[in-house]
Every structure is written in structure tokens, then in C-alpha cells.
Amino acid sequence: MKFAGKIGFAVAKNKTAGVHTEEITERDYVGDFLSSQQTWRASSHLNDDLAQNNSRISVISDPFASDNFSKIKYVVWAGVRWKVTRVKPQPPRLILTTGEVYNA
């Protein structure tokens, strides 16, 4: 299955002298789903949480992604931001493993 969506990077910005903040920058990428499975996980909330268990996406990297892969926070797929739990550089691709819904 093909992937086309946004990836969110947390890039540090200098707000004022000595004060840094993280700003999310979204960029478009394409690639392939290597595996995907969803499960409902019991939580302390009223409703259970939906999680992507070990869903892996292989995206074609660009210079920005190659330089900032450690700053990847989430992948947008099906209108939902999914937390990226692991990134494996495998030039010219990045292999992203997703987990639960990203809340920030």
C-alpha cells in the first residue's frame, strides 16, 4: 500500500536571547506501508485508545529529512497524527515506526 502524507518535525527556534522553543514544521512525503495493524488499547480514559502497533512506513527522504530525522514527532495518515516511536535511516529512505495517536 502506498503512503502520501505529512511528517511533523519539532525544530528548535530562538524566541529571544537564550530562550528556545520547539516549533512543528510539516512537510509532504511519499513512500510505502511496510506493515500496518491497529488495536484498541485499554486506558484510564472513558474510551480506549486506538494504537498503530508496529506500523512501519518507508518514506523517500530529502536533504531536510536526512538532516532532521531525529526531530520527527508524527506522521499524518487518514487525517490522524500518529506518534513516531522509531526512525531507522536507510538511505535513500527513512523507515518510520508509529504508535499511538499524537497529542501535543
N, C-alpha and C. Protein backbone atom coordinates (compact mmCIF):
# COMPACT_ATOMS: atom_id res chain seq x y z
N MET A 1 0.84 -1.16 0.00
CA MET A 1 0.00 0.00 0.00
C MET A 1 0.90 1.24 0.00
N LYS A 2 0.52 2.24 -0.74
CA LYS A 2 1.31 3.47 -0.87
C LYS A 2 0.96 4.46 0.25
N PHE A 3 1.95 5.26 0.62
CA PHE A 3 1.77 6.32 1.61
C PHE A 3 2.03 7.66 0.95
N ALA A 4 1.18 8.63 1.23
CA ALA A 4 1.41 10.02 0.84
C ALA A 4 0.81 10.87 1.96
N GLY A 5 1.67 11.61 2.64
CA GLY A 5 1.18 12.41 3.76
C GLY A 5 2.24 13.31 4.33
N LYS A 6 1.89 13.92 5.43
CA LYS A 6 2.78 14.87 6.07
C LYS A 6 3.53 14.22 7.23
N ILE A 7 4.75 14.72 7.45
CA ILE A 7 5.54 14.33 8.61
C ILE A 7 5.82 15.60 9.39
N GLY A 8 5.63 15.53 10.71
CA GLY A 8 5.85 16.68 11.59
C GLY A 8 7.21 16.60 12.26
N PHE A 9 8.00 17.66 12.09
CA PHE A 9 9.32 17.78 12.69
C PHE A 9 9.28 18.86 13.77
N ALA A 10 9.87 18.61 14.94
CA ALA A 10 9.97 19.61 16.00
C ALA A 10 11.32 20.32 15.85
N VAL A 11 11.29 21.52 15.30
CA VAL A 11 12.51 22.28 15.02
C VAL A 11 12.66 23.37 16.08
N ALA A 12 13.84 23.47 16.69
CA ALA A 12 14.10 24.48 17.71
C ALA A 12 14.19 25.86 17.07
N LYS A 13 13.50 26.81 17.67
CA LYS A 13 13.53 28.20 17.22
C LYS A 13 14.02 29.08 18.36
N ASN A 14 14.80 30.10 18.02
CA ASN A 14 15.30 31.04 19.01
C ASN A 14 14.25 32.14 19.19
N LYS A 15 13.52 32.08 20.32
CA LYS A 15 12.45 33.04 20.57
C LYS A 15 13.03 34.41 20.95
N THR A 16 13.87 34.42 21.93
CA THR A 16 14.63 35.61 22.35
C THR A 16 16.00 35.14 22.79
N ALA A 17 16.84 36.06 23.18
CA ALA A 17 18.20 35.70 23.59
C ALA A 17 18.16 34.66 24.71
N GLY A 18 18.65 33.47 24.43
CA GLY A 18 18.72 32.41 25.42
C GLY A 18 17.44 31.63 25.63
N VAL A 19 16.37 31.96 24.92
CA VAL A 19 15.10 31.24 25.07
C VAL A 19 14.77 30.54 23.75
N HIS A 20 14.71 29.22 23.82
CA HIS A 20 14.39 28.42 22.64
C HIS A 20 13.04 27.75 22.81
N THR A 21 12.31 27.63 21.73
CA THR A 21 11.05 26.91 21.73
C THR A 21 11.06 25.92 20.57
N GLU A 22 10.20 24.92 20.67
CA GLU A 22 10.05 23.96 19.58
C GLU A 22 8.86 24.38 18.73
N GLU A 23 9.07 24.38 17.44
CA GLU A 23 8.00 24.70 16.50
C GLU A 23 7.86 23.52 15.55
N ILE A 24 6.63 23.07 15.36
CA ILE A 24 6.39 21.94 14.46
C ILE A 24 6.34 22.43 13.02
N THR A 25 7.14 21.78 12.18
CA THR A 25 7.15 22.04 10.74
C THR A 25 6.68 20.78 10.04
N GLU A 26 5.62 20.89 9.25
CA GLU A 26 5.12 19.74 8.50
C GLU A 26 5.60 19.80 7.06
N ARG A 27 6.01 18.64 6.55
CA ARG A 27 6.46 18.54 5.17
C ARG A 27 5.82 17.30 4.55
N ASP A 28 5.58 17.36 3.23
CA ASP A 28 4.95 16.25 2.50
C ASP A 28 5.98 15.22 2.06
N TYR A 29 5.59 13.93 2.21
CA TYR A 29 6.45 12.83 1.79
C TYR A 29 5.60 11.72 1.16
N VAL A 30 6.26 10.89 0.37
CA VAL A 30 5.62 9.72 -0.23
C VAL A 30 6.46 8.50 0.09
N GLY A 31 5.81 7.34 0.04
CA GLY A 31 6.53 6.11 0.30
C GLY A 31 5.57 4.93 0.29
N ASP A 32 5.89 3.93 1.10
CA ASP A 32 5.14 2.69 1.14
C ASP A 32 4.89 2.26 2.58
N PHE A 33 3.73 1.63 2.82
CA PHE A 33 3.50 0.97 4.10
C PHE A 33 4.19 -0.39 4.03
N LEU A 34 5.03 -0.67 5.01
CA LEU A 34 5.68 -1.97 5.07
C LEU A 34 4.84 -2.96 5.87
N SER A 35 4.16 -2.45 6.89
CA SER A 35 3.23 -3.26 7.69
C SER A 35 2.30 -2.31 8.42
N SER A 36 1.11 -2.80 8.73
CA SER A 36 0.16 -1.95 9.44
C SER A 36 -0.84 -2.81 10.18
N GLN A 37 -1.03 -2.49 11.45
CA GLN A 37 -2.08 -3.13 12.22
C GLN A 37 -2.54 -2.17 13.30
N GLN A 38 -3.81 -2.18 13.58
CA GLN A 38 -4.38 -1.29 14.58
C GLN A 38 -5.01 -2.12 15.69
N THR A 39 -4.88 -1.63 16.92
CA THR A 39 -5.50 -2.29 18.05
C THR A 39 -6.10 -1.24 18.98
N TRP A 40 -7.09 -1.67 19.73
CA TRP A 40 -7.65 -0.82 20.78
C TRP A 40 -6.92 -1.18 22.06
N ARG A 41 -6.41 -0.17 22.74
CA ARG A 41 -5.65 -0.40 23.96
C ARG A 41 -6.42 0.19 25.14
N ALA A 42 -6.61 -0.61 26.18
CA ALA A 42 -7.32 -0.13 27.37
C ALA A 42 -6.56 1.04 27.98
N SER A 43 -7.30 2.03 28.44
CA SER A 43 -6.67 3.21 29.03
C SER A 43 -7.46 3.65 30.25
N SER A 44 -6.95 4.65 30.93
CA SER A 44 -7.62 5.17 32.12
C SER A 44 -8.70 6.17 31.73
N HIS A 45 -8.84 6.45 30.45
CA HIS A 45 -9.87 7.36 29.96
C HIS A 45 -11.20 6.61 29.86
N LEU A 46 -12.24 7.34 29.57
CA LEU A 46 -13.57 6.75 29.39
C LEU A 46 -13.57 5.76 28.22
N ASN A 47 -12.88 6.14 27.13
CA ASN A 47 -12.81 5.28 25.95
C ASN A 47 -11.40 4.74 25.78
N ASP A 48 -11.29 3.57 25.19
CA ASP A 48 -9.97 3.01 24.90
C ASP A 48 -9.28 3.83 23.82
N ASP A 49 -7.95 3.72 23.76
CA ASP A 49 -7.15 4.44 22.77
C ASP A 49 -6.86 3.52 21.59
N LEU A 50 -6.88 4.10 20.39
CA LEU A 50 -6.51 3.37 19.19
C LEU A 50 -5.01 3.51 19.00
N ALA A 51 -4.33 2.40 18.76
CA ALA A 51 -2.89 2.44 18.56
C ALA A 51 -2.53 1.72 17.27
N GLN A 52 -1.49 2.20 16.62
CA GLN A 52 -0.92 1.56 15.45
C GLN A 52 0.23 0.72 15.98
N ASN A 53 0.05 -0.57 16.12
CA ASN A 53 1.10 -1.40 16.68
C ASN A 53 2.14 -1.76 15.62
N ASN A 54 3.32 -1.21 15.81
CA ASN A 54 4.43 -1.52 14.92
C ASN A 54 4.12 -1.30 13.45
N SER A 55 3.31 -0.30 13.16
CA SER A 55 3.08 0.05 11.77
C SER A 55 4.34 0.72 11.25
N ARG A 56 4.80 0.28 10.12
CA ARG A 56 6.04 0.83 9.57
C ARG A 56 5.77 1.44 8.21
N ILE A 57 6.35 2.63 8.03
CA ILE A 57 6.21 3.36 6.78
C ILE A 57 7.61 3.67 6.27
N SER A 58 7.86 3.38 5.01
CA SER A 58 9.13 3.69 4.36
C SER A 58 8.89 4.91 3.48
N VAL A 59 9.55 6.03 3.81
CA VAL A 59 9.38 7.25 3.01
C VAL A 59 10.67 7.58 2.28
N ILE A 60 10.52 8.19 1.12
CA ILE A 60 11.68 8.66 0.37
C ILE A 60 12.16 9.94 1.03
N SER A 61 13.40 9.94 1.46
CA SER A 61 13.96 11.06 2.20
C SER A 61 14.42 12.17 1.26
N ASP A 62 14.50 13.37 1.81
CA ASP A 62 15.10 14.51 1.11
C ASP A 62 16.18 15.07 2.05
N PRO A 63 16.95 16.07 1.62
CA PRO A 63 18.00 16.59 2.50
C PRO A 63 17.48 17.07 3.86
N PHE A 64 16.30 17.70 3.88
CA PHE A 64 15.75 18.17 5.16
C PHE A 64 15.49 17.00 6.10
N ALA A 65 14.82 15.96 5.59
CA ALA A 65 14.51 14.79 6.42
C ALA A 65 15.78 14.07 6.86
N SER A 66 16.75 13.96 5.98
CA SER A 66 18.01 13.30 6.33
C SER A 66 18.75 14.04 7.44
N ASP A 67 18.70 15.36 7.41
CA ASP A 67 19.38 16.17 8.43
C ASP A 67 18.60 16.26 9.73
N ASN A 68 17.28 16.04 9.68
CA ASN A 68 16.43 16.26 10.85
C ASN A 68 15.62 15.04 11.27
N PHE A 69 16.05 13.84 10.89
CA PHE A 69 15.25 12.65 11.19
C PHE A 69 15.06 12.44 12.69
N SER A 70 16.00 12.90 13.51
CA SER A 70 15.88 12.74 14.96
C SER A 70 14.82 13.66 15.55
N LYS A 71 14.30 14.59 14.76
CA LYS A 71 13.30 15.54 15.23
C LYS A 71 11.89 15.19 14.78
N ILE A 72 11.73 14.03 14.14
CA ILE A 72 10.40 13.62 13.67
C ILE A 72 9.53 13.27 14.87
N LYS A 73 8.34 13.87 14.93
CA LYS A 73 7.41 13.64 16.03
C LYS A 73 6.20 12.80 15.62
N TYR A 74 5.69 13.04 14.40
CA TYR A 74 4.48 12.33 13.99
C TYR A 74 4.38 12.22 12.48
N VAL A 75 3.46 11.34 12.06
CA VAL A 75 3.10 11.14 10.66
C VAL A 75 1.59 11.36 10.58
N VAL A 76 1.15 12.10 9.56
CA VAL A 76 -0.29 12.28 9.35
C VAL A 76 -0.75 11.25 8.33
N TRP A 77 -1.69 10.41 8.76
CA TRP A 77 -2.25 9.39 7.88
C TRP A 77 -3.73 9.26 8.20
N ALA A 78 -4.56 9.26 7.19
CA ALA A 78 -6.02 9.16 7.32
C ALA A 78 -6.57 10.26 8.21
N GLY A 79 -5.96 11.44 8.14
CA GLY A 79 -6.43 12.59 8.91
C GLY A 79 -6.07 12.58 10.38
N VAL A 80 -5.22 11.63 10.79
CA VAL A 80 -4.83 11.50 12.19
C VAL A 80 -3.31 11.63 12.30
N ARG A 81 -2.87 12.31 13.34
CA ARG A 81 -1.43 12.40 13.62
C ARG A 81 -1.03 11.20 14.49
N TRP A 82 -0.12 10.36 13.95
CA TRP A 82 0.36 9.18 14.66
C TRP A 82 1.77 9.43 15.16
N LYS A 83 2.02 9.18 16.44
CA LYS A 83 3.34 9.37 17.05
C LYS A 83 4.36 8.43 16.41
N VAL A 84 5.50 8.97 16.05
CA VAL A 84 6.60 8.16 15.52
C VAL A 84 7.43 7.70 16.71
N THR A 85 7.56 6.39 16.88
CA THR A 85 8.28 5.84 18.02
C THR A 85 9.71 5.42 17.68
N ARG A 86 9.99 5.26 16.38
CA ARG A 86 11.33 4.86 15.97
C ARG A 86 11.57 5.32 14.53
N VAL A 87 12.80 5.77 14.26
CA VAL A 87 13.21 6.15 12.90
C VAL A 87 14.49 5.40 12.58
N LYS A 88 14.48 4.70 11.46
CA LYS A 88 15.68 3.98 11.01
C LYS A 88 16.11 4.55 9.67
N PRO A 89 17.24 5.29 9.65
CA PRO A 89 17.74 5.78 8.37
C PRO A 89 18.23 4.60 7.52
N GLN A 90 17.75 4.54 6.31
CA GLN A 90 18.15 3.51 5.36
C GLN A 90 18.21 4.17 3.99
N PRO A 91 19.24 5.02 3.76
CA PRO A 91 19.30 5.85 2.56
C PRO A 91 19.01 5.05 1.29
N PRO A 92 18.20 5.62 0.41
CA PRO A 92 17.64 6.97 0.39
C PRO A 92 16.30 7.07 1.11
N ARG A 93 16.00 6.18 2.02
CA ARG A 93 14.72 6.16 2.71
C ARG A 93 14.88 6.31 4.21
N LEU A 94 13.76 6.62 4.87
CA LEU A 94 13.65 6.57 6.32
C LEU A 94 12.53 5.58 6.62
N ILE A 95 12.77 4.67 7.56
CA ILE A 95 11.76 3.72 7.98
C ILE A 95 11.19 4.23 9.31
N LEU A 96 9.90 4.57 9.31
CA LEU A 96 9.24 5.14 10.48
C LEU A 96 8.33 4.10 11.11
N THR A 97 8.43 3.93 12.42
CA THR A 97 7.54 3.06 13.17
C THR A 97 6.61 3.94 13.97
N THR A 98 5.31 3.68 13.86
CA THR A 98 4.32 4.52 14.55
C THR A 98 3.71 3.79 15.73
N GLY A 99 3.15 4.58 16.64
CA GLY A 99 2.50 4.04 17.82
C GLY A 99 1.11 4.61 17.96
N GLU A 100 0.87 5.25 19.08
CA GLU A 100 -0.47 5.77 19.37
C GLU A 100 -0.70 7.13 18.74
N VAL A 101 -1.88 7.64 18.95
CA VAL A 101 -2.24 8.97 18.41
C VAL A 101 -1.38 10.03 19.09
N TYR A 102 -0.87 10.96 18.30
CA TYR A 102 -0.01 12.03 18.80
C TYR A 102 -0.88 13.13 19.40
N ASN A 103 -0.61 13.49 20.62
CA ASN A 103 -1.32 14.58 21.31
C ASN A 103 -0.30 15.59 21.80
N ALA A 104 -0.38 16.79 21.29
CA ALA A 104 0.53 17.84 21.76
C ALA A 104 -0.16 19.17 21.80
